[in-house]
Amino acid sequence: MSPVRALDRYYLALTWLVTVGYQLLGFAIAWTFRFDKVTDFTGGSNFFLLALLTLLCGNTFFTRNIVATVLVMVWAARIAGFLLFRVLKTGSDTRFDDIRSHFWKFFAFWVGQMIWIWTVSLPLTILNSPAVSELDTGGSNPPFGTSRDIAGIVLWAVGFLVEAVADGQKFYYKSTKAIPSGRPMNRGLWAWSRHPPYFGEILCWWGIWMLCLSSTTNGDLSSSSKAAQYGAVVSPVFTFLLLMFGSGVPTAEKPTAKKFYLMSHGPKANDAEAWTNYKTYLRRTSILIPFPPIIYKSLPDILKKTIFLDFPMYKFDESKEGSEAIRELRESETD
């Protein structure tokens, strides 16, 4: 048995060790030079590395393994390349302004990135592992092209297209300043969703899981291997939870609302209509699932807060948080 397989039959230890090593290298560079140029690129390229590594180590070039690996690599290359291009064009990432100079806070972000990469990669990691795809060790290779395969690929393709187009649209309109400063981004997909890239990413990983899961249809696969593949559903679930309740929507909704509120009510207010424009945008635009604004604006609030996931926790309460935002702005100006 090779040293790689001796670690475990599902490549869990291998991918964790590689991820930790790669992210620690990225952290060392980012901390030493105090910049964010490599942060997101290191995250995206890590997915590419794990996908290629597990395929080559497994040495099982079945159609499903190759297709799933290529889809993950395409997704990873696109997001890593786009984020690197964006940060080189726009400068430092404001997300790290408060933690860049604090070693443990900055390190904690990189640890979180390790967990994100390793967890979200699980469907492909397990599919490419000897336990699932090596025939000599109890794996299987069921025929490719099942309805689940097709559904997974279609779901991935729709998600990839939505995410890529939405990222491109936002970058274009911001860089060309086609959207006035007092108005939210409401062009293209952003007129139908306040966070279309997150919606696309969630679809991508549900699609990858479905595609990787198809090998469980073979009755020769052991029950433990089947359980591992079903358990890899933690990947799309984790993606959804992270984007909806972690570093995704919550870090964007209130700060954006706060910015527009201060444009109209702050000590240096320069656009009386900014807050009104933004509240109109909120009423018309779904928070995640793309939906026609002309229909969405007429939906009852109970549907928006449940089916459409626009939870109260995302709302900026101007009566309670408005004065606090103004106070914080004044304090920051006097420091």
C-alpha atoms as a PDB file:
ATOM      1  CA  MET A   1       0.000   0.000   0.000  1.00  0.00           C
ATOM      2  CA  SER A   2       1.351   3.437  -0.918  1.00  0.00           C
ATOM      3  CA  PRO A   3       2.068   6.004   1.843  1.00  0.00           C
ATOM      4  CA  VAL A   4      -0.725   8.215   0.475  1.00  0.00           C
ATOM      5  CA  ARG A   5      -3.351   5.485   0.819  1.00  0.00           C
ATOM      6  CA  ALA A   6      -1.982   4.424   4.174  1.00  0.00           C
ATOM      7  CA  LEU A   7      -3.191   7.713   5.644  1.00  0.00           C
ATOM      8  CA  ASP A   8      -6.813   6.790   4.933  1.00  0.00           C
ATOM      9  CA  ARG A   9      -8.849   5.257   2.137  1.00  0.00           C
ATOM     10  CA  TYR A  10     -10.890   8.430   1.568  1.00  0.00           C
ATOM     11  CA  TYR A  11      -8.012  10.918   1.156  1.00  0.00           C
ATOM     12  CA  LEU A  12      -9.330  12.937   4.100  1.00  0.00           C
ATOM     13  CA  ALA A  13      -5.967  13.184   5.858  1.00  0.00           C
ATOM     14  CA  LEU A  14      -4.079  13.791   2.612  1.00  0.00           C
ATOM     15  CA  THR A  15      -6.286  16.687   1.543  1.00  0.00           C
ATOM     16  CA  TRP A  16      -6.286  18.196   5.039  1.00  0.00           C
ATOM     17  CA  LEU A  17      -2.483  18.129   5.276  1.00  0.00           C
ATOM     18  CA  VAL A  18      -2.085  19.646   1.810  1.00  0.00           C
ATOM     19  CA  THR A  19      -4.666  22.324   2.559  1.00  0.00           C
ATOM     20  CA  VAL A  20      -3.080  23.276   5.872  1.00  0.00           C
ATOM     21  CA  GLY A  21       0.388  23.456   4.323  1.00  0.00           C
ATOM     22  CA  TYR A  22      -0.755  25.518   1.349  1.00  0.00           C
ATOM     23  CA  GLN A  23      -2.791  27.946   3.456  1.00  0.00           C
ATOM     24  CA  LEU A  24       0.027  28.379   5.988  1.00  0.00           C
ATOM     25  CA  LEU A  25       2.304  29.325   3.105  1.00  0.00           C
ATOM     26  CA  GLY A  26      -0.255  31.870   1.906  1.00  0.00           C
ATOM     27  CA  PHE A  27      -0.671  33.236   5.433  1.00  0.00           C
ATOM     28  CA  ALA A  28       3.090  33.587   5.867  1.00  0.00           C
ATOM     29  CA  ILE A  29       3.319  35.653   2.669  1.00  0.00           C
ATOM     30  CA  ALA A  30       0.268  37.784   3.485  1.00  0.00           C
ATOM     31  CA  TRP A  31       1.376  38.450   7.075  1.00  0.00           C
ATOM     32  CA  THR A  32       5.013  39.161   6.181  1.00  0.00           C
ATOM     33  CA  PHE A  33       4.162  41.689   3.472  1.00  0.00           C
ATOM     34  CA  ARG A  34       0.913  42.934   5.091  1.00  0.00           C
ATOM     35  CA  PHE A  35      -1.163  42.693   1.935  1.00  0.00           C
ATOM     36  CA  ASP A  36      -4.188  40.818   0.626  1.00  0.00           C
ATOM     37  CA  LYS A  37      -3.082  40.110  -2.924  1.00  0.00           C
ATOM     38  CA  VAL A  38      -2.728  36.358  -2.309  1.00  0.00           C
ATOM     39  CA  THR A  39      -5.547  35.733   0.180  1.00  0.00           C
ATOM     40  CA  ASP A  40      -8.484  34.920  -2.104  1.00  0.00           C
ATOM     41  CA  PHE A  41      -6.222  33.523  -4.829  1.00  0.00           C
ATOM     42  CA  THR A  42      -4.761  31.046  -2.340  1.00  0.00           C
ATOM     43  CA  GLY A  43      -8.263  29.935  -1.404  1.00  0.00           C
ATOM     44  CA  GLY A  44      -9.492  29.381  -4.953  1.00  0.00           C
ATOM     45  CA  SER A  45      -6.284  27.769  -6.214  1.00  0.00           C
ATOM     46  CA  ASN A  46      -6.339  25.346  -3.254  1.00  0.00           C
ATOM     47  CA  PHE A  47      -9.553  23.821  -4.649  1.00  0.00           C
ATOM     48  CA  PHE A  48      -7.795  23.375  -8.004  1.00  0.00           C
ATOM     49  CA  LEU A  49      -4.827  21.714  -6.311  1.00  0.00           C
ATOM     50  CA  LEU A  50      -6.952  19.249  -4.315  1.00  0.00           C
ATOM     51  CA  ALA A  51      -9.042  18.311  -7.356  1.00  0.00           C
ATOM     52  CA  LEU A  52      -6.017  17.559  -9.512  1.00  0.00           C
ATOM     53  CA  LEU A  53      -4.107  15.860  -6.696  1.00  0.00           C
ATOM     54  CA  THR A  54      -6.868  13.427  -5.744  1.00  0.00           C
ATOM     55  CA  LEU A  55      -7.487  12.490  -9.372  1.00  0.00           C
ATOM     56  CA  LEU A  56      -3.809  11.796 -10.055  1.00  0.00           C
ATOM     57  CA  CYS A  57      -3.214   9.978  -6.765  1.00  0.00           C
ATOM     58  CA  GLY A  58      -6.262   7.805  -7.313  1.00  0.00           C
ATOM     59  CA  ASN A  59      -5.093   6.913 -10.803  1.00  0.00           C
ATOM     60  CA  THR A  60      -8.690   5.992 -11.690  1.00  0.00           C
ATOM     61  CA  PHE A  61      -9.567   7.995 -14.771  1.00  0.00           C
ATOM     62  CA  PHE A  62     -13.204   7.005 -15.053  1.00  0.00           C
ATOM     63  CA  THR A  63     -15.494   9.381 -16.914  1.00  0.00           C
ATOM     64  CA  ARG A  64     -17.350  10.565 -13.815  1.00  0.00           C
ATOM     65  CA  ASN A  65     -14.106  11.234 -11.936  1.00  0.00           C
ATOM     66  CA  ILE A  66     -12.639  13.200 -14.839  1.00  0.00           C
ATOM     67  CA  VAL A  67     -15.803  15.249 -15.453  1.00  0.00           C
ATOM     68  CA  ALA A  68     -16.293  16.088 -11.757  1.00  0.00           C
ATOM     69  CA  THR A  69     -12.614  16.976 -11.368  1.00  0.00           C
ATOM     70  CA  VAL A  70     -12.629  19.206 -14.445  1.00  0.00           C
ATOM     71  CA  LEU A  71     -15.770  21.033 -13.279  1.00  0.00           C
ATOM     72  CA  VAL A  72     -14.220  21.780  -9.886  1.00  0.00           C
ATOM     73  CA  MET A  73     -10.966  22.888 -11.525  1.00  0.00           C
ATOM     74  CA  VAL A  74     -12.830  25.184 -13.934  1.00  0.00           C
ATOM     75  CA  TRP A  75     -14.792  26.704 -11.037  1.00  0.00           C
ATOM     76  CA  ALA A  76     -11.618  27.133  -8.964  1.00  0.00           C
ATOM     77  CA  ALA A  77      -9.590  28.632 -11.815  1.00  0.00           C
ATOM     78  CA  ARG A  78     -12.343  31.118 -12.612  1.00  0.00           C
ATOM     79  CA  ILE A  79     -12.855  32.333  -9.074  1.00  0.00           C
ATOM     80  CA  ALA A  80      -9.147  32.414  -8.184  1.00  0.00           C
ATOM     81  CA  GLY A  81      -8.291  34.271 -11.382  1.00  0.00           C
ATOM     82  CA  PHE A  82     -11.147  36.745 -11.052  1.00  0.00           C
ATOM     83  CA  LEU A  83     -10.436  37.545  -7.408  1.00  0.00           C
ATOM     84  CA  LEU A  84      -6.729  38.021  -8.089  1.00  0.00           C
ATOM     85  CA  PHE A  85      -7.500  40.287 -11.049  1.00  0.00           C
ATOM     86  CA  ARG A  86      -9.982  42.302  -8.979  1.00  0.00           C
ATOM     87  CA  VAL A  87      -7.672  42.855  -6.022  1.00  0.00           C
ATOM     88  CA  LEU A  88      -4.807  43.877  -8.325  1.00  0.00           C
ATOM     89  CA  LYS A  89      -7.111  46.408  -9.986  1.00  0.00           C
ATOM     90  CA  THR A  90      -8.880  47.771  -6.919  1.00  0.00           C
ATOM     91  CA  GLY A  91      -6.214  47.449  -4.199  1.00  0.00           C
ATOM     92  CA  SER A  92      -6.518  46.033  -0.681  1.00  0.00           C
ATOM     93  CA  ASP A  93      -9.616  44.153   0.378  1.00  0.00           C
ATOM     94  CA  THR A  94     -11.571  46.235   2.911  1.00  0.00           C
ATOM     95  CA  ARG A  95     -12.714  43.018   4.665  1.00  0.00           C
ATOM     96  CA  PHE A  96      -9.263  42.783   6.234  1.00  0.00           C
ATOM     97  CA  ASP A  97      -8.814  46.407   7.309  1.00  0.00           C
ATOM     98  CA  ASP A  98      -9.604  45.621  10.950  1.00  0.00           C
ATOM     99  CA  ILE A  99      -7.619  42.383  11.242  1.00  0.00           C
ATOM    100  CA  ARG A 100      -4.630  42.746   8.915  1.00  0.00           C
ATOM    101  CA  SER A 101      -2.389  44.105  11.686  1.00  0.00           C
ATOM    102  CA  HIS A 102      -3.551  41.601  14.352  1.00  0.00           C
ATOM    103  CA  PHE A 103      -1.687  38.309  14.056  1.00  0.00           C
ATOM    104  CA  TRP A 104      -4.237  36.014  15.726  1.00  0.00           C
ATOM    105  CA  LYS A 105      -7.281  37.623  14.102  1.00  0.00           C
ATOM    106  CA  PHE A 106      -5.679  37.397  10.691  1.00  0.00           C
ATOM    107  CA  PHE A 107      -4.512  33.841  11.363  1.00  0.00           C
ATOM    108  CA  ALA A 108      -8.045  32.872  12.443  1.00  0.00           C
ATOM    109  CA  PHE A 109      -9.329  33.934   9.028  1.00  0.00           C
ATOM    110  CA  TRP A 110      -6.837  31.613   7.343  1.00  0.00           C
ATOM    111  CA  VAL A 111      -7.828  28.738   9.627  1.00  0.00           C
ATOM    112  CA  GLY A 112     -11.434  29.346   8.624  1.00  0.00           C
ATOM    113  CA  GLN A 113     -10.342  29.275   4.984  1.00  0.00           C
ATOM    114  CA  MET A 114      -8.657  25.896   5.562  1.00  0.00           C
ATOM    115  CA  ILE A 115     -11.885  24.459   6.972  1.00  0.00           C
ATOM    116  CA  TRP A 116     -13.936  25.944   4.120  1.00  0.00           C
ATOM    117  CA  ILE A 117     -11.731  24.513   1.367  1.00  0.00           C
ATOM    118  CA  TRP A 118     -11.372  21.049   2.882  1.00  0.00           C
ATOM    119  CA  THR A 119     -15.074  20.716   3.732  1.00  0.00           C
ATOM    120  CA  VAL A 120     -16.450  21.998   0.436  1.00  0.00           C
ATOM    121  CA  SER A 121     -14.043  19.767  -1.535  1.00  0.00           C
ATOM    122  CA  LEU A 122     -15.308  16.599   0.178  1.00  0.00           C
ATOM    123  CA  PRO A 123     -17.612  15.275  -2.585  1.00  0.00           C
ATOM    124  CA  LEU A 124     -14.781  15.168  -5.125  1.00  0.00           C
ATOM    125  CA  THR A 125     -12.178  14.077  -2.565  1.00  0.00           C
ATOM    126  CA  ILE A 126     -14.270  11.058  -1.614  1.00  0.00           C
ATOM    127  CA  LEU A 127     -15.240  10.246  -5.208  1.00  0.00           C
ATOM    128  CA  ASN A 128     -11.583  10.142  -6.297  1.00  0.00           C
ATOM    129  CA  SER A 129     -10.501   8.104  -3.259  1.00  0.00           C
ATOM    130  CA  PRO A 130      -9.582   4.379  -3.427  1.00  0.00           C
ATOM    131  CA  ALA A 131     -12.542   3.489  -1.211  1.00  0.00           C
ATOM    132  CA  VAL A 132     -15.002   4.671  -3.877  1.00  0.00           C
ATOM    133  CA  SER A 133     -13.283   4.499  -7.258  1.00  0.00           C
ATOM    134  CA  GLU A 134     -10.528   1.865  -7.100  1.00  0.00           C
ATOM    135  CA  LEU A 135     -11.954  -1.451  -8.236  1.00  0.00           C
ATOM    136  CA  ASP A 136      -9.249  -3.525  -6.523  1.00  0.00           C
ATOM    137  CA  THR A 137     -10.125  -2.097  -3.101  1.00  0.00           C
ATOM    138  CA  GLY A 138     -13.915  -2.345  -3.201  1.00  0.00           C
ATOM    139  CA  GLY A 139     -14.661   0.705  -5.327  1.00  0.00           C
ATOM    140  CA  SER A 140     -16.928   0.853  -8.366  1.00  0.00           C
ATOM    141  CA  ASN A 141     -17.385   2.495 -11.735  1.00  0.00           C
ATOM    142  CA  PRO A 142     -21.097   2.584 -12.634  1.00  0.00           C
ATOM    143  CA  PRO A 143     -22.032   3.792 -16.139  1.00  0.00           C
ATOM    144  CA  PHE A 144     -21.762   7.541 -16.604  1.00  0.00           C
ATOM    145  CA  GLY A 145     -24.754   9.516 -17.858  1.00  0.00           C
ATOM    146  CA  THR A 146     -27.426   8.741 -15.285  1.00  0.00           C
ATOM    147  CA  SER A 147     -30.209  11.233 -14.674  1.00  0.00           C
ATOM    148  CA  ARG A 148     -28.399  12.279 -11.493  1.00  0.00           C
ATOM    149  CA  ASP A 149     -25.207  12.898 -13.479  1.00  0.00           C
ATOM    150  CA  ILE A 150     -27.067  15.081 -15.949  1.00  0.00           C
ATOM    151  CA  ALA A 151     -28.920  16.968 -13.219  1.00  0.00           C
ATOM    152  CA  GLY A 152     -25.665  17.606 -11.373  1.00  0.00           C
ATOM    153  CA  ILE A 153     -23.900  18.919 -14.469  1.00  0.00           C
ATOM    154  CA  VAL A 154     -26.855  21.154 -15.414  1.00  0.00           C
ATOM    155  CA  LEU A 155     -27.059  22.522 -11.870  1.00  0.00           C
ATOM    156  CA  TRP A 156     -23.318  23.224 -11.868  1.00  0.00           C
ATOM    157  CA  ALA A 157     -23.485  24.877 -15.290  1.00  0.00           C
ATOM    158  CA  VAL A 158     -26.350  27.191 -14.301  1.00  0.00           C
ATOM    159  CA  GLY A 159     -24.601  28.096 -11.050  1.00  0.00           C
ATOM    160  CA  PHE A 160     -21.262  28.703 -12.761  1.00  0.00           C
ATOM    161  CA  LEU A 161     -22.874  30.926 -15.388  1.00  0.00           C
ATOM    162  CA  VAL A 162     -24.799  32.950 -12.805  1.00  0.00           C
ATOM    163  CA  GLU A 163     -21.746  33.429 -10.597  1.00  0.00           C
ATOM    164  CA  ALA A 164     -19.398  34.355 -13.439  1.00  0.00           C
ATOM    165  CA  VAL A 165     -21.826  36.743 -15.159  1.00  0.00           C
ATOM    166  CA  ALA A 166     -22.790  38.454 -11.896  1.00  0.00           C
ATOM    167  CA  ASP A 167     -19.142  38.969 -10.888  1.00  0.00           C
ATOM    168  CA  GLY A 168     -18.357  40.361 -14.326  1.00  0.00           C
ATOM    169  CA  GLN A 169     -21.346  42.694 -14.318  1.00  0.00           C
ATOM    170  CA  LYS A 170     -20.561  44.152 -10.917  1.00  0.00           C
ATOM    171  CA  PHE A 171     -16.885  44.667 -11.714  1.00  0.00           C
ATOM    172  CA  TYR A 172     -17.731  46.327 -15.036  1.00  0.00           C
ATOM    173  CA  TYR A 173     -20.338  48.709 -13.662  1.00  0.00           C
ATOM    174  CA  LYS A 174     -18.199  49.664 -10.654  1.00  0.00           C
ATOM    175  CA  SER A 175     -15.035  50.184 -12.688  1.00  0.00           C
ATOM    176  CA  THR A 176     -16.825  52.286 -15.327  1.00  0.00           C
ATOM    177  CA  LYS A 177     -18.824  54.158 -12.658  1.00  0.00           C
ATOM    178  CA  ALA A 178     -21.978  53.584 -14.677  1.00  0.00           C
ATOM    179  CA  ILE A 179     -24.019  53.391 -11.452  1.00  0.00           C
ATOM    180  CA  PRO A 180     -24.354  56.754  -9.626  1.00  0.00           C
ATOM    181  CA  SER A 181     -22.951  56.690  -6.076  1.00  0.00           C
ATOM    182  CA  GLY A 182     -26.389  57.198  -4.534  1.00  0.00           C
ATOM    183  CA  ARG A 183     -27.922  54.169  -6.200  1.00  0.00           C
ATOM    184  CA  PRO A 184     -27.420  50.444  -5.516  1.00  0.00           C
ATOM    185  CA  MET A 185     -26.111  48.013  -8.114  1.00  0.00           C
ATOM    186  CA  ASN A 186     -29.309  47.094  -9.973  1.00  0.00           C
ATOM    187  CA  ARG A 187     -28.162  46.146 -13.463  1.00  0.00           C
ATOM    188  CA  GLY A 188     -28.271  42.712 -15.057  1.00  0.00           C
ATOM    189  CA  LEU A 189     -28.602  39.824 -12.611  1.00  0.00           C
ATOM    190  CA  TRP A 190     -28.290  42.282  -9.728  1.00  0.00           C
ATOM    191  CA  ALA A 191     -31.742  43.616 -10.569  1.00  0.00           C
ATOM    192  CA  TRP A 192     -33.144  40.148  -9.790  1.00  0.00           C
ATOM    193  CA  SER A 193     -30.977  39.243  -6.788  1.00  0.00           C
ATOM    194  CA  ARG A 194     -28.973  41.237  -4.251  1.00  0.00           C
ATOM    195  CA  HIS A 195     -26.362  38.459  -4.119  1.00  0.00           C
ATOM    196  CA  PRO A 196     -26.381  36.491  -7.397  1.00  0.00           C
ATOM    197  CA  PRO A 197     -22.771  35.225  -7.056  1.00  0.00           C
ATOM    198  CA  TYR A 198     -23.701  33.511  -3.783  1.00  0.00           C
ATOM    199  CA  PHE A 199     -26.722  31.896  -5.402  1.00  0.00           C
ATOM    200  CA  GLY A 200     -24.528  30.646  -8.237  1.00  0.00           C
ATOM    201  CA  GLU A 201     -21.904  29.237  -5.887  1.00  0.00           C
ATOM    202  CA  ILE A 202     -24.522  27.348  -3.880  1.00  0.00           C
ATOM    203  CA  LEU A 203     -25.901  25.792  -7.080  1.00  0.00           C
ATOM    204  CA  CYS A 204     -22.400  24.809  -8.224  1.00  0.00           C
ATOM    205  CA  TRP A 205     -21.678  22.749  -5.120  1.00  0.00           C
ATOM    206  CA  TRP A 206     -25.092  21.097  -5.046  1.00  0.00           C
ATOM    207  CA  GLY A 207     -24.379  20.093  -8.635  1.00  0.00           C
ATOM    208  CA  ILE A 208     -20.914  18.721  -7.791  1.00  0.00           C
ATOM    209  CA  TRP A 209     -22.313  16.684  -4.904  1.00  0.00           C
ATOM    210  CA  MET A 210     -25.057  15.196  -7.077  1.00  0.00           C
ATOM    211  CA  LEU A 211     -22.562  14.282  -9.794  1.00  0.00           C
ATOM    212  CA  CYS A 212     -20.119  12.695  -7.340  1.00  0.00           C
ATOM    213  CA  LEU A 213     -22.949  10.841  -5.603  1.00  0.00           C
ATOM    214  CA  SER A 214     -23.918   8.897  -8.712  1.00  0.00           C
ATOM    215  CA  SER A 215     -21.394   6.134  -8.045  1.00  0.00           C
ATOM    216  CA  THR A 216     -23.477   5.039  -5.054  1.00  0.00           C
ATOM    217  CA  THR A 217     -25.982   3.587  -7.518  1.00  0.00           C
ATOM    218  CA  ASN A 218     -23.665   0.589  -7.915  1.00  0.00           C
ATOM    219  CA  GLY A 219     -24.662  -2.150  -5.522  1.00  0.00           C
ATOM    220  CA  ASP A 220     -21.059  -3.383  -5.256  1.00  0.00           C
ATOM    221  CA  LEU A 221     -19.949  -0.332  -3.336  1.00  0.00           C
ATOM    222  CA  SER A 222     -19.543  -0.943   0.407  1.00  0.00           C
ATOM    223  CA  SER A 223     -22.033   0.565   2.815  1.00  0.00           C
ATOM    224  CA  SER A 224     -19.310   2.660   4.455  1.00  0.00           C
ATOM    225  CA  SER A 225     -18.289   4.136   1.099  1.00  0.00           C
ATOM    226  CA  LYS A 226     -21.915   4.936   0.264  1.00  0.00           C
ATOM    227  CA  ALA A 227     -22.315   6.578   3.658  1.00  0.00           C
ATOM    228  CA  ALA A 228     -19.192   8.661   3.042  1.00  0.00           C
ATOM    229  CA  GLN A 229     -20.581   9.924  -0.254  1.00  0.00           C
ATOM    230  CA  TYR A 230     -23.967  10.772   1.206  1.00  0.00           C
ATOM    231  CA  GLY A 231     -22.180  12.397   4.138  1.00  0.00           C
ATOM    232  CA  ALA A 232     -20.361  14.666   1.693  1.00  0.00           C
ATOM    233  CA  VAL A 233     -23.646  16.602   1.461  1.00  0.00           C
ATOM    234  CA  VAL A 234     -21.978  18.664   4.176  1.00  0.00           C
ATOM    235  CA  SER A 235     -20.243  20.460   1.270  1.00  0.00           C
ATOM    236  CA  PRO A 236     -23.266  22.209  -0.294  1.00  0.00           C
ATOM    237  CA  VAL A 237     -24.944  22.561   3.106  1.00  0.00           C
ATOM    238  CA  PHE A 238     -21.822  24.204   4.553  1.00  0.00           C
ATOM    239  CA  THR A 239     -21.628  26.480   1.504  1.00  0.00           C
ATOM    240  CA  PHE A 240     -25.233  27.569   2.002  1.00  0.00           C
ATOM    241  CA  LEU A 241     -24.831  28.153   5.743  1.00  0.00           C
ATOM    242  CA  LEU A 242     -21.554  30.024   5.328  1.00  0.00           C
ATOM    243  CA  LEU A 243     -22.927  32.355   2.671  1.00  0.00           C
ATOM    244  CA  MET A 244     -26.275  32.942   4.370  1.00  0.00           C
ATOM    245  CA  PHE A 245     -25.152  33.170   7.998  1.00  0.00           C
ATOM    246  CA  GLY A 246     -21.371  33.610   7.999  1.00  0.00           C
ATOM    247  CA  SER A 247     -18.992  35.479   5.734  1.00  0.00           C
ATOM    248  CA  GLY A 248     -21.492  36.052   2.924  1.00  0.00           C
ATOM    249  CA  VAL A 249     -24.794  37.879   3.150  1.00  0.00           C
ATOM    250  CA  PRO A 250     -24.456  39.096   6.784  1.00  0.00           C
ATOM    251  CA  THR A 251     -21.161  40.866   6.033  1.00  0.00           C
ATOM    252  CA  ALA A 252     -22.696  42.658   3.052  1.00  0.00           C
ATOM    253  CA  GLU A 253     -26.304  43.535   3.876  1.00  0.00           C
ATOM    254  CA  LYS A 254     -26.057  45.816   6.918  1.00  0.00           C
ATOM    255  CA  PRO A 255     -22.792  47.517   5.895  1.00  0.00           C
ATOM    256  CA  THR A 256     -24.302  48.347   2.496  1.00  0.00           C
ATOM    257  CA  ALA A 257     -27.516  49.642   4.071  1.00  0.00           C
ATOM    258  CA  LYS A 258     -25.474  51.649   6.550  1.00  0.00           C
ATOM    259  CA  LYS A 259     -23.504  53.263   3.707  1.00  0.00           C
ATOM    260  CA  PHE A 260     -26.666  54.420   1.928  1.00  0.00           C
ATOM    261  CA  TYR A 261     -28.243  55.591   5.170  1.00  0.00           C
ATOM    262  CA  LEU A 262     -25.241  57.786   5.950  1.00  0.00           C
ATOM    263  CA  MET A 263     -25.311  59.244   2.446  1.00  0.00           C
ATOM    264  CA  SER A 264     -28.692  60.717   3.340  1.00  0.00           C
ATOM    265  CA  HIS A 265     -28.453  61.205   7.117  1.00  0.00           C
ATOM    266  CA  GLY A 266     -24.779  61.298   8.082  1.00  0.00           C
ATOM    267  CA  PRO A 267     -22.834  64.408   9.152  1.00  0.00           C
ATOM    268  CA  LYS A 268     -21.575  64.757   5.579  1.00  0.00           C
ATOM    269  CA  ALA A 269     -24.777  63.690   3.825  1.00  0.00           C
ATOM    270  CA  ASN A 270     -24.579  64.543   0.140  1.00  0.00           C
ATOM    271  CA  ASP A 271     -27.477  62.616  -1.390  1.00  0.00           C
ATOM    272  CA  ALA A 272     -30.924  62.997   0.147  1.00  0.00           C
ATOM    273  CA  GLU A 273     -32.372  60.310  -2.130  1.00  0.00           C
ATOM    274  CA  ALA A 274     -29.744  57.605  -1.479  1.00  0.00           C
ATOM    275  CA  TRP A 275     -31.534  55.956   1.448  1.00  0.00           C
ATOM    276  CA  THR A 276     -34.916  56.116  -0.291  1.00  0.00           C
ATOM    277  CA  ASN A 277     -33.409  54.572  -3.429  1.00  0.00           C
ATOM    278  CA  TYR A 278     -31.873  51.772  -1.407  1.00  0.00           C
ATOM    279  CA  LYS A 279     -35.086  50.958   0.471  1.00  0.00           C
ATOM    280  CA  THR A 280     -36.896  50.790  -2.866  1.00  0.00           C
ATOM    281  CA  TYR A 281     -34.223  48.387  -4.107  1.00  0.00           C
ATOM    282  CA  LEU A 282     -34.720  46.179  -1.036  1.00  0.00           C
ATOM    283  CA  ARG A 283     -38.477  45.980  -1.613  1.00  0.00           C
ATOM    284  CA  ARG A 284     -38.033  45.071  -5.277  1.00  0.00           C
ATOM    285  CA  THR A 285     -35.052  42.724  -5.160  1.00  0.00           C
ATOM    286  CA  SER A 286     -34.803  39.190  -3.765  1.00  0.00           C
ATOM    287  CA  ILE A 287     -31.915  38.714  -1.378  1.00  0.00           C
ATOM    288  CA  LEU A 288     -30.625  35.475  -2.954  1.00  0.00           C
ATOM    289  CA  ILE A 289     -32.902  33.611  -5.375  1.00  0.00           C
ATOM    290  CA  PRO A 290     -33.153  35.550  -8.663  1.00  0.00           C
ATOM    291  CA  PHE A 291     -36.746  36.643  -9.174  1.00  0.00           C
ATOM    292  CA  PRO A 292     -38.473  39.254 -11.388  1.00  0.00           C
ATOM    293  CA  PRO A 293     -38.540  42.515  -9.373  1.00  0.00           C
ATOM    294  CA  ILE A 294     -41.935  43.523 -10.725  1.00  0.00           C
ATOM    295  CA  ILE A 295     -43.414  40.403  -9.086  1.00  0.00           C
ATOM    296  CA  TYR A 296     -41.181  40.323  -6.010  1.00  0.00           C
ATOM    297  CA  LYS A 297     -42.144  43.814  -4.860  1.00  0.00           C
ATOM    298  CA  SER A 298     -45.802  42.725  -4.598  1.00  0.00           C
ATOM    299  CA  LEU A 299     -45.162  39.586  -2.578  1.00  0.00           C
ATOM    300  CA  PRO A 300     -46.281  39.513   1.080  1.00  0.00           C
ATOM    301  CA  ASP A 301     -43.492  40.092   3.605  1.00  0.00           C
ATOM    302  CA  ILE A 302     -44.080  36.640   5.113  1.00  0.00           C
ATOM    303  CA  LEU A 303     -43.040  35.017   1.810  1.00  0.00           C
ATOM    304  CA  LYS A 304     -39.981  37.233   1.496  1.00  0.00           C
ATOM    305  CA  LYS A 305     -38.890  36.370   5.043  1.00  0.00           C
ATOM    306  CA  THR A 306     -39.387  32.614   4.623  1.00  0.00           C
ATOM    307  CA  ILE A 307     -39.304  31.157   1.099  1.00  0.00           C
ATOM    308  CA  PHE A 308     -37.043  33.928  -0.225  1.00  0.00           C
ATOM    309  CA  LEU A 309     -34.770  33.844   2.863  1.00  0.00           C
ATOM    310  CA  ASP A 310     -34.800  37.589   3.573  1.00  0.00           C
ATOM    311  CA  PHE A 311     -34.501  37.085   7.306  1.00  0.00           C
ATOM    312  CA  PRO A 312     -34.996  39.965   9.788  1.00  0.00           C
ATOM    313  CA  MET A 313     -31.353  39.598  10.925  1.00  0.00           C
ATOM    314  CA  TYR A 314     -30.236  41.232   7.652  1.00  0.00           C
ATOM    315  CA  LYS A 315     -32.329  44.362   8.116  1.00  0.00           C
ATOM    316  CA  PHE A 316     -30.729  47.677   9.053  1.00  0.00           C
ATOM    317  CA  ASP A 317     -33.144  49.257  11.533  1.00  0.00           C
ATOM    318  CA  GLU A 318     -32.756  52.976  10.988  1.00  0.00           C
ATOM    319  CA  SER A 319     -34.678  53.832  14.167  1.00  0.00           C
ATOM    320  CA  LYS A 320     -32.281  51.807  16.345  1.00  0.00           C
ATOM    321  CA  GLU A 321     -29.069  51.552  14.343  1.00  0.00           C
ATOM    322  CA  GLY A 322     -29.152  54.832  12.440  1.00  0.00           C
ATOM    323  CA  SER A 323     -28.028  57.044  15.322  1.00  0.00           C
ATOM    324  CA  GLU A 324     -25.323  54.542  16.242  1.00  0.00           C
ATOM    325  CA  ALA A 325     -24.008  54.612  12.677  1.00  0.00           C
ATOM    326  CA  ILE A 326     -23.856  58.420  12.726  1.00  0.00           C
ATOM    327  CA  ARG A 327     -22.061  58.379  16.095  1.00  0.00           C
ATOM    328  CA  GLU A 328     -19.483  55.870  14.868  1.00  0.00           C
ATOM    329  CA  LEU A 329     -18.830  57.936  11.765  1.00  0.00           C
ATOM    330  CA  ARG A 330     -18.267  61.096  13.797  1.00  0.00           C
ATOM    331  CA  GLU A 331     -15.920  59.289  16.179  1.00  0.00           C
ATOM    332  CA  SER A 332     -13.893  57.882  13.303  1.00  0.00           C
ATOM    333  CA  GLU A 333     -13.538  61.367  11.812  1.00  0.00           C
ATOM    334  CA  THR A 334     -12.185  62.785  15.067  1.00  0.00           C
ATOM    335  CA  ASP A 335      -9.623  60.014  15.654  1.00  0.00           C
END
